[in-house]
């Protein structure tokens, strides 16, 4: 078991299986098909992300370095949460960008499905966590990987 301290962006607690990517997360490309065609599992449609492609994202602890791509990223995260297809939590090794932060914050305020979000967990976090690990997020930004 390893513990990491990050910065709380959206408060809350979560416990879920990790889904890990080591490359940038293109929010629009990842969620586009799920949101357009009704895939309730939130299966990743970004073929340029081999870590996530075709894997369900809904209900997972999405572990990533940062988001990349479209300026619609925040709205895509908010929409996924509004539709109940969001990750259980978002865990960033690097500082979160303003668009992803906006989407996570909006989901916490305006949807029934908040996504506790922690950033600045460090590169060691992404080196330690593996897809399928159990990840627990505490209110204080402490993330435990089992």
N, C-alpha and C. Protein backbone atom coordinates (compact mmCIF):
# COMPACT_ATOMS: atom_id res chain seq x y z
N UNK A 1 0.85 -1.17 0.00
CA UNK A 1 0.00 0.00 0.00
C UNK A 1 0.90 1.24 0.00
N UNK A 2 0.56 2.20 -0.89
CA UNK A 2 1.31 3.46 -0.97
C UNK A 2 0.33 4.62 -0.81
N UNK A 3 0.81 5.68 -0.20
CA UNK A 3 -0.01 6.86 0.04
C UNK A 3 0.65 8.08 -0.60
N UNK A 4 -0.18 8.92 -1.20
CA UNK A 4 0.28 10.13 -1.88
C UNK A 4 -0.57 11.31 -1.41
N UNK A 5 0.07 12.45 -1.26
CA UNK A 5 -0.64 13.67 -0.87
C UNK A 5 -0.73 14.60 -2.07
N UNK A 6 -1.94 15.01 -2.40
CA UNK A 6 -2.15 15.95 -3.49
C UNK A 6 -2.91 17.16 -3.01
N UNK A 7 -3.29 17.99 -3.96
CA UNK A 7 -4.07 19.19 -3.68
C UNK A 7 -5.53 18.92 -4.05
N UNK A 8 -6.44 19.20 -3.15
CA UNK A 8 -7.86 18.99 -3.40
C UNK A 8 -8.37 20.09 -4.33
N UNK A 9 -8.95 19.67 -5.45
CA UNK A 9 -9.58 20.59 -6.39
C UNK A 9 -11.10 20.55 -6.19
N UNK A 10 -11.64 19.34 -6.11
CA UNK A 10 -13.05 19.12 -5.79
C UNK A 10 -13.08 18.17 -4.60
N UNK A 11 -13.59 18.61 -3.46
CA UNK A 11 -13.58 17.76 -2.27
C UNK A 11 -14.52 16.57 -2.40
N UNK A 12 -14.23 15.57 -1.62
CA UNK A 12 -15.06 14.37 -1.57
C UNK A 12 -14.21 13.15 -1.34
N UNK A 13 -14.87 12.04 -1.15
CA UNK A 13 -14.18 10.77 -0.96
C UNK A 13 -14.62 9.81 -2.05
N UNK A 14 -13.77 8.85 -2.34
CA UNK A 14 -14.09 7.84 -3.35
C UNK A 14 -13.24 6.61 -3.11
N UNK A 15 -13.76 5.48 -3.55
CA UNK A 15 -12.99 4.24 -3.57
C UNK A 15 -13.39 3.52 -4.85
N UNK A 16 -12.39 3.26 -5.71
CA UNK A 16 -12.68 2.67 -7.01
C UNK A 16 -11.44 1.99 -7.56
N UNK A 17 -11.65 1.22 -8.62
CA UNK A 17 -10.53 0.60 -9.31
C UNK A 17 -9.88 1.62 -10.22
N UNK A 18 -8.56 1.61 -10.22
CA UNK A 18 -7.80 2.56 -11.02
C UNK A 18 -7.90 2.23 -12.51
N UNK A 19 -7.96 3.28 -13.30
CA UNK A 19 -7.80 3.21 -14.75
C UNK A 19 -6.72 4.24 -15.06
N UNK A 20 -5.57 3.76 -15.56
CA UNK A 20 -4.37 4.60 -15.63
C UNK A 20 -3.98 4.88 -17.08
N UNK A 21 -3.66 6.14 -17.34
CA UNK A 21 -3.02 6.51 -18.60
C UNK A 21 -1.76 7.30 -18.29
N UNK A 22 -0.74 7.07 -19.09
CA UNK A 22 0.52 7.78 -18.91
C UNK A 22 0.69 8.89 -19.94
N UNK A 23 -0.28 9.01 -20.83
CA UNK A 23 -0.24 10.10 -21.81
C UNK A 23 -1.36 11.08 -21.50
N UNK A 24 -1.34 12.21 -22.17
CA UNK A 24 -2.37 13.21 -21.95
C UNK A 24 -3.75 12.66 -22.27
N UNK A 25 -4.74 13.09 -21.52
CA UNK A 25 -6.12 12.62 -21.66
C UNK A 25 -6.91 13.63 -22.48
N UNK A 26 -7.28 13.25 -23.70
CA UNK A 26 -8.08 14.11 -24.56
C UNK A 26 -9.54 13.87 -24.19
N UNK A 27 -10.10 14.79 -23.44
CA UNK A 27 -11.44 14.62 -22.88
C UNK A 27 -12.50 14.44 -23.96
N UNK A 28 -12.50 15.29 -24.97
CA UNK A 28 -13.50 15.20 -26.02
C UNK A 28 -13.37 13.89 -26.80
N UNK A 29 -12.17 13.57 -27.25
CA UNK A 29 -11.97 12.33 -28.02
C UNK A 29 -12.32 11.09 -27.19
N UNK A 30 -12.05 11.14 -25.89
CA UNK A 30 -12.30 9.99 -25.03
C UNK A 30 -13.78 9.75 -24.79
N UNK A 31 -14.56 10.82 -24.65
CA UNK A 31 -15.97 10.69 -24.29
C UNK A 31 -16.94 10.86 -25.46
N UNK A 32 -16.47 11.28 -26.61
CA UNK A 32 -17.36 11.66 -27.70
C UNK A 32 -18.38 10.57 -28.06
N UNK A 33 -17.94 9.36 -28.34
CA UNK A 33 -18.88 8.31 -28.75
C UNK A 33 -19.81 7.92 -27.61
N UNK A 34 -19.30 7.87 -26.40
CA UNK A 34 -20.12 7.51 -25.25
C UNK A 34 -21.26 8.49 -25.06
N UNK A 35 -20.97 9.77 -25.18
CA UNK A 35 -21.99 10.79 -24.96
C UNK A 35 -22.95 10.89 -26.14
N UNK A 36 -22.47 10.62 -27.34
CA UNK A 36 -23.33 10.73 -28.52
C UNK A 36 -24.21 9.50 -28.74
N UNK A 37 -23.69 8.34 -28.39
CA UNK A 37 -24.40 7.11 -28.77
C UNK A 37 -24.89 6.29 -27.59
N UNK A 38 -24.87 6.86 -26.39
CA UNK A 38 -25.54 6.25 -25.25
C UNK A 38 -24.81 5.12 -24.55
N UNK A 39 -23.50 5.02 -24.69
CA UNK A 39 -22.74 3.99 -23.97
C UNK A 39 -22.63 4.39 -22.50
N UNK A 40 -23.39 3.73 -21.64
CA UNK A 40 -23.44 4.10 -20.22
C UNK A 40 -22.17 3.75 -19.46
N UNK A 41 -21.29 2.95 -20.04
CA UNK A 41 -20.04 2.60 -19.37
C UNK A 41 -18.96 3.66 -19.60
N UNK A 42 -19.23 4.61 -20.49
CA UNK A 42 -18.25 5.65 -20.78
C UNK A 42 -17.00 5.09 -21.42
N UNK A 43 -17.15 4.13 -22.31
CA UNK A 43 -16.00 3.49 -22.95
C UNK A 43 -15.18 4.53 -23.72
N UNK A 44 -13.87 4.53 -23.51
CA UNK A 44 -12.97 5.50 -24.13
C UNK A 44 -12.93 5.29 -25.64
N UNK A 45 -13.17 6.37 -26.38
CA UNK A 45 -13.16 6.29 -27.84
C UNK A 45 -11.92 6.95 -28.46
N UNK A 46 -10.95 7.32 -27.65
CA UNK A 46 -9.73 7.95 -28.17
C UNK A 46 -8.72 6.89 -28.58
N UNK A 47 -8.68 6.62 -29.88
CA UNK A 47 -7.77 5.58 -30.38
C UNK A 47 -6.31 5.98 -30.26
N UNK A 48 -6.03 7.25 -29.97
CA UNK A 48 -4.65 7.69 -29.78
C UNK A 48 -4.17 7.51 -28.35
N UNK A 49 -5.01 6.96 -27.49
CA UNK A 49 -4.62 6.68 -26.11
C UNK A 49 -4.71 5.17 -25.87
N UNK A 50 -3.64 4.44 -26.16
CA UNK A 50 -3.70 2.98 -26.05
C UNK A 50 -3.92 2.47 -24.62
N UNK A 51 -3.61 3.29 -23.62
CA UNK A 51 -3.84 2.87 -22.23
C UNK A 51 -5.33 2.76 -21.93
N UNK A 52 -6.15 3.59 -22.58
CA UNK A 52 -7.57 3.69 -22.25
C UNK A 52 -8.52 3.22 -23.34
N UNK A 53 -8.07 3.17 -24.57
CA UNK A 53 -8.95 2.91 -25.70
C UNK A 53 -9.83 1.67 -25.49
N UNK A 54 -11.13 1.88 -25.64
CA UNK A 54 -12.17 0.86 -25.51
C UNK A 54 -12.38 0.36 -24.08
N UNK A 55 -11.77 1.01 -23.10
CA UNK A 55 -11.98 0.62 -21.69
C UNK A 55 -13.04 1.51 -21.07
N UNK A 56 -13.94 0.93 -20.26
CA UNK A 56 -14.96 1.74 -19.59
C UNK A 56 -14.32 2.67 -18.56
N UNK A 57 -14.74 3.93 -18.58
CA UNK A 57 -14.21 4.92 -17.65
C UNK A 57 -15.17 5.23 -16.51
N UNK A 58 -16.46 4.99 -16.71
CA UNK A 58 -17.46 5.32 -15.70
C UNK A 58 -17.19 4.53 -14.41
N UNK A 59 -17.18 5.25 -13.30
CA UNK A 59 -17.01 4.63 -12.00
C UNK A 59 -15.59 4.26 -11.63
N UNK A 60 -14.62 4.61 -12.46
CA UNK A 60 -13.23 4.27 -12.16
C UNK A 60 -12.53 5.44 -11.47
N UNK A 61 -11.38 5.15 -10.91
CA UNK A 61 -10.47 6.20 -10.43
C UNK A 61 -9.56 6.51 -11.61
N UNK A 62 -9.89 7.56 -12.36
CA UNK A 62 -9.13 7.88 -13.56
C UNK A 62 -7.84 8.59 -13.15
N UNK A 63 -6.72 7.92 -13.41
CA UNK A 63 -5.39 8.41 -13.01
C UNK A 63 -4.66 8.86 -14.27
N UNK A 64 -4.23 10.11 -14.30
CA UNK A 64 -3.68 10.68 -15.51
C UNK A 64 -2.67 11.77 -15.18
N UNK A 65 -1.81 12.09 -16.14
CA UNK A 65 -0.89 13.20 -15.89
C UNK A 65 -1.59 14.55 -16.06
N UNK A 66 -2.30 14.72 -17.19
CA UNK A 66 -2.95 15.98 -17.50
C UNK A 66 -3.95 15.76 -18.63
N UNK A 67 -4.80 16.75 -18.87
CA UNK A 67 -5.69 16.68 -20.02
C UNK A 67 -5.06 17.46 -21.17
N UNK A 68 -5.47 17.08 -22.38
CA UNK A 68 -4.99 17.75 -23.60
C UNK A 68 -6.18 17.93 -24.53
N UNK A 69 -5.99 18.74 -25.55
CA UNK A 69 -6.99 18.81 -26.60
C UNK A 69 -7.93 19.98 -26.49
N UNK A 70 -9.14 19.71 -26.83
CA UNK A 70 -10.17 20.71 -27.08
C UNK A 70 -10.49 21.59 -25.88
N UNK A 71 -10.90 22.82 -26.19
CA UNK A 71 -11.34 23.75 -25.16
C UNK A 71 -12.72 23.36 -24.62
N UNK A 72 -13.32 22.34 -25.19
CA UNK A 72 -14.61 21.85 -24.69
C UNK A 72 -14.44 20.87 -23.53
N UNK A 73 -13.21 20.59 -23.14
CA UNK A 73 -12.93 19.56 -22.14
C UNK A 73 -13.72 19.67 -20.86
N UNK A 74 -13.83 20.87 -20.32
CA UNK A 74 -14.58 21.05 -19.08
C UNK A 74 -16.05 20.72 -19.25
N UNK A 75 -16.64 21.18 -20.35
CA UNK A 75 -18.05 20.90 -20.59
C UNK A 75 -18.28 19.42 -20.83
N UNK A 76 -17.33 18.75 -21.46
CA UNK A 76 -17.45 17.31 -21.68
C UNK A 76 -17.47 16.58 -20.34
N UNK A 77 -16.57 16.94 -19.42
CA UNK A 77 -16.57 16.31 -18.09
C UNK A 77 -17.88 16.56 -17.36
N UNK A 78 -18.36 17.79 -17.40
CA UNK A 78 -19.63 18.13 -16.76
C UNK A 78 -20.78 17.33 -17.38
N UNK A 79 -20.80 17.22 -18.70
CA UNK A 79 -21.86 16.47 -19.39
C UNK A 79 -21.79 14.99 -19.02
N UNK A 80 -20.60 14.43 -18.99
CA UNK A 80 -20.46 13.02 -18.60
C UNK A 80 -21.02 12.81 -17.19
N UNK A 81 -20.73 13.73 -16.28
CA UNK A 81 -21.24 13.61 -14.91
C UNK A 81 -22.76 13.78 -14.89
N UNK A 82 -23.28 14.70 -15.68
CA UNK A 82 -24.73 14.90 -15.73
C UNK A 82 -25.45 13.66 -16.23
N UNK A 83 -24.77 12.90 -17.07
CA UNK A 83 -25.36 11.68 -17.64
C UNK A 83 -25.01 10.43 -16.83
N UNK A 84 -24.24 10.59 -15.75
CA UNK A 84 -23.86 9.46 -14.91
C UNK A 84 -22.79 8.57 -15.51
N UNK A 85 -21.95 9.11 -16.37
CA UNK A 85 -20.90 8.34 -17.05
C UNK A 85 -19.51 8.78 -16.64
N UNK A 86 -19.41 9.50 -15.55
CA UNK A 86 -18.16 10.08 -15.10
C UNK A 86 -17.32 9.07 -14.31
N UNK A 87 -16.01 9.34 -14.24
CA UNK A 87 -15.18 8.55 -13.33
C UNK A 87 -15.61 8.79 -11.88
N UNK A 88 -15.31 7.87 -11.01
CA UNK A 88 -15.59 8.05 -9.58
C UNK A 88 -14.76 9.21 -9.03
N UNK A 89 -13.57 9.38 -9.59
CA UNK A 89 -12.69 10.48 -9.18
C UNK A 89 -11.67 10.71 -10.28
N UNK A 90 -11.09 11.90 -10.26
CA UNK A 90 -10.02 12.27 -11.19
C UNK A 90 -8.76 12.51 -10.38
N UNK A 91 -7.68 11.83 -10.74
CA UNK A 91 -6.42 11.93 -9.99
C UNK A 91 -5.29 12.30 -10.95
N UNK A 92 -4.79 13.51 -10.81
CA UNK A 92 -3.78 14.07 -11.70
C UNK A 92 -2.40 14.02 -11.05
N UNK A 93 -1.41 13.55 -11.78
CA UNK A 93 -0.04 13.59 -11.26
C UNK A 93 0.51 15.01 -11.33
N UNK A 94 0.09 15.79 -12.32
CA UNK A 94 0.54 17.17 -12.51
C UNK A 94 -0.55 18.13 -12.06
N UNK A 95 -0.26 19.44 -12.03
CA UNK A 95 -1.32 20.40 -11.72
C UNK A 95 -2.42 20.35 -12.78
N UNK A 96 -3.65 20.43 -12.36
CA UNK A 96 -4.80 20.37 -13.26
C UNK A 96 -4.87 21.65 -14.09
N UNK A 97 -5.36 21.53 -15.32
CA UNK A 97 -5.56 22.71 -16.15
C UNK A 97 -6.91 23.34 -15.83
N UNK A 98 -7.10 24.58 -16.21
CA UNK A 98 -8.31 25.31 -15.84
C UNK A 98 -9.58 24.72 -16.46
N UNK A 99 -9.49 24.15 -17.66
CA UNK A 99 -10.68 23.59 -18.30
C UNK A 99 -11.16 22.34 -17.58
N UNK A 100 -10.25 21.43 -17.27
CA UNK A 100 -10.63 20.21 -16.54
C UNK A 100 -11.13 20.57 -15.15
N UNK A 101 -10.48 21.54 -14.52
CA UNK A 101 -10.92 21.97 -13.18
C UNK A 101 -12.34 22.52 -13.25
N UNK A 102 -12.63 23.32 -14.27
CA UNK A 102 -13.97 23.89 -14.41
C UNK A 102 -15.01 22.78 -14.57
N UNK A 103 -14.73 21.78 -15.39
CA UNK A 103 -15.67 20.67 -15.58
C UNK A 103 -15.90 19.89 -14.31
N UNK A 104 -14.83 19.61 -13.58
CA UNK A 104 -14.96 18.85 -12.32
C UNK A 104 -15.72 19.67 -11.27
N UNK A 105 -15.43 20.96 -11.21
CA UNK A 105 -16.12 21.82 -10.24
C UNK A 105 -17.60 21.94 -10.59
N UNK A 106 -17.92 22.16 -11.87
CA UNK A 106 -19.32 22.25 -12.29
C UNK A 106 -20.06 20.95 -11.98
N UNK A 107 -19.42 19.82 -12.20
CA UNK A 107 -20.06 18.54 -11.88
C UNK A 107 -20.35 18.44 -10.39
N UNK A 108 -19.44 18.96 -9.58
CA UNK A 108 -19.65 18.93 -8.13
C UNK A 108 -20.76 19.85 -7.66
N UNK A 109 -21.01 20.90 -8.40
CA UNK A 109 -22.01 21.89 -8.01
C UNK A 109 -23.37 21.62 -8.66
N UNK A 110 -23.38 21.29 -9.95
CA UNK A 110 -24.63 21.24 -10.71
C UNK A 110 -25.11 19.86 -11.10
N UNK A 111 -24.37 18.82 -10.83
CA UNK A 111 -24.87 17.48 -11.19
C UNK A 111 -25.04 16.65 -9.92
N UNK A 112 -25.71 15.56 -10.07
CA UNK A 112 -25.91 14.63 -8.95
C UNK A 112 -24.73 13.68 -8.81
N UNK A 113 -23.73 13.82 -9.67
CA UNK A 113 -22.61 12.88 -9.70
C UNK A 113 -21.28 13.62 -9.61
N UNK A 114 -20.90 14.06 -8.40
CA UNK A 114 -19.62 14.76 -8.27
C UNK A 114 -18.44 13.82 -8.52
N UNK A 115 -17.33 14.42 -8.90
CA UNK A 115 -16.08 13.68 -9.12
C UNK A 115 -15.02 14.27 -8.20
N UNK A 116 -14.79 13.70 -7.04
CA UNK A 116 -13.68 14.21 -6.23
C UNK A 116 -12.43 14.28 -7.11
N UNK A 117 -11.73 15.40 -7.03
CA UNK A 117 -10.59 15.62 -7.92
C UNK A 117 -9.40 16.09 -7.10
N UNK A 118 -8.27 15.42 -7.33
CA UNK A 118 -7.03 15.74 -6.63
C UNK A 118 -5.93 15.87 -7.70
N UNK A 119 -5.13 16.92 -7.60
CA UNK A 119 -4.03 17.08 -8.55
C UNK A 119 -2.70 17.16 -7.80
N UNK A 120 -1.64 17.33 -8.57
CA UNK A 120 -0.27 17.48 -8.04
C UNK A 120 0.15 16.29 -7.17
N UNK A 121 -0.25 15.08 -7.59
CA UNK A 121 0.13 13.88 -6.84
C UNK A 121 1.56 13.44 -7.14
N UNK A 122 2.16 13.95 -8.18
CA UNK A 122 3.56 13.67 -8.50
C UNK A 122 3.74 12.52 -9.48
N UNK A 123 4.88 12.52 -10.14
CA UNK A 123 5.19 11.48 -11.12
C UNK A 123 5.26 10.10 -10.47
N UNK A 124 5.69 10.05 -9.21
CA UNK A 124 5.78 8.77 -8.51
C UNK A 124 4.41 8.10 -8.40
N UNK A 125 3.35 8.92 -8.30
CA UNK A 125 1.99 8.37 -8.24
C UNK A 125 1.69 7.55 -9.49
N UNK A 126 1.95 8.12 -10.67
CA UNK A 126 1.66 7.39 -11.91
C UNK A 126 2.59 6.21 -12.12
N UNK A 127 3.76 6.23 -11.52
CA UNK A 127 4.66 5.08 -11.60
C UNK A 127 4.19 3.95 -10.70
N UNK A 128 3.51 4.29 -9.61
CA UNK A 128 3.10 3.28 -8.62
C UNK A 128 1.75 2.66 -8.92
N UNK A 129 0.79 3.44 -9.42
CA UNK A 129 -0.57 2.94 -9.61
C UNK A 129 -0.69 2.18 -10.93
N UNK A 130 -1.44 1.09 -10.90
CA UNK A 130 -1.68 0.26 -12.08
C UNK A 130 -3.18 0.11 -12.29
N UNK A 131 -3.58 -0.02 -13.53
CA UNK A 131 -4.98 -0.29 -13.83
C UNK A 131 -5.43 -1.52 -13.07
N UNK A 132 -6.54 -1.39 -12.36
CA UNK A 132 -7.08 -2.49 -11.56
C UNK A 132 -6.78 -2.38 -10.07
N UNK A 133 -5.78 -1.56 -9.70
CA UNK A 133 -5.50 -1.33 -8.28
C UNK A 133 -6.71 -0.66 -7.63
N UNK A 134 -6.88 -0.88 -6.34
CA UNK A 134 -7.92 -0.17 -5.60
C UNK A 134 -7.35 1.14 -5.09
N UNK A 135 -8.06 2.22 -5.39
CA UNK A 135 -7.62 3.55 -5.02
C UNK A 135 -8.67 4.17 -4.10
N UNK A 136 -8.20 4.76 -3.00
CA UNK A 136 -9.08 5.43 -2.06
C UNK A 136 -8.66 6.89 -1.97
N UNK A 137 -9.64 7.78 -2.07
CA UNK A 137 -9.41 9.22 -2.00
C UNK A 137 -10.05 9.74 -0.72
N UNK A 138 -9.24 10.46 0.09
CA UNK A 138 -9.75 11.06 1.31
C UNK A 138 -10.05 12.53 1.10
N UNK A 139 -10.88 13.10 1.97
CA UNK A 139 -11.27 14.51 1.89
C UNK A 139 -10.07 15.46 1.87
N UNK A 140 -8.97 15.05 2.49
CA UNK A 140 -7.80 15.92 2.64
C UNK A 140 -6.79 15.81 1.50
N UNK A 141 -7.16 15.11 0.43
CA UNK A 141 -6.26 14.97 -0.71
C UNK A 141 -5.28 13.83 -0.60
N UNK A 142 -5.45 12.97 0.39
CA UNK A 142 -4.61 11.79 0.54
C UNK A 142 -5.20 10.69 -0.35
N UNK A 143 -4.35 10.13 -1.20
CA UNK A 143 -4.76 9.06 -2.11
C UNK A 143 -3.96 7.81 -1.75
N UNK A 144 -4.67 6.73 -1.50
CA UNK A 144 -4.03 5.46 -1.14
C UNK A 144 -4.23 4.47 -2.27
N UNK A 145 -3.15 3.80 -2.65
CA UNK A 145 -3.17 2.81 -3.72
C UNK A 145 -2.88 1.45 -3.10
N UNK A 146 -3.79 0.51 -3.33
CA UNK A 146 -3.60 -0.85 -2.80
C UNK A 146 -3.49 -1.84 -3.95
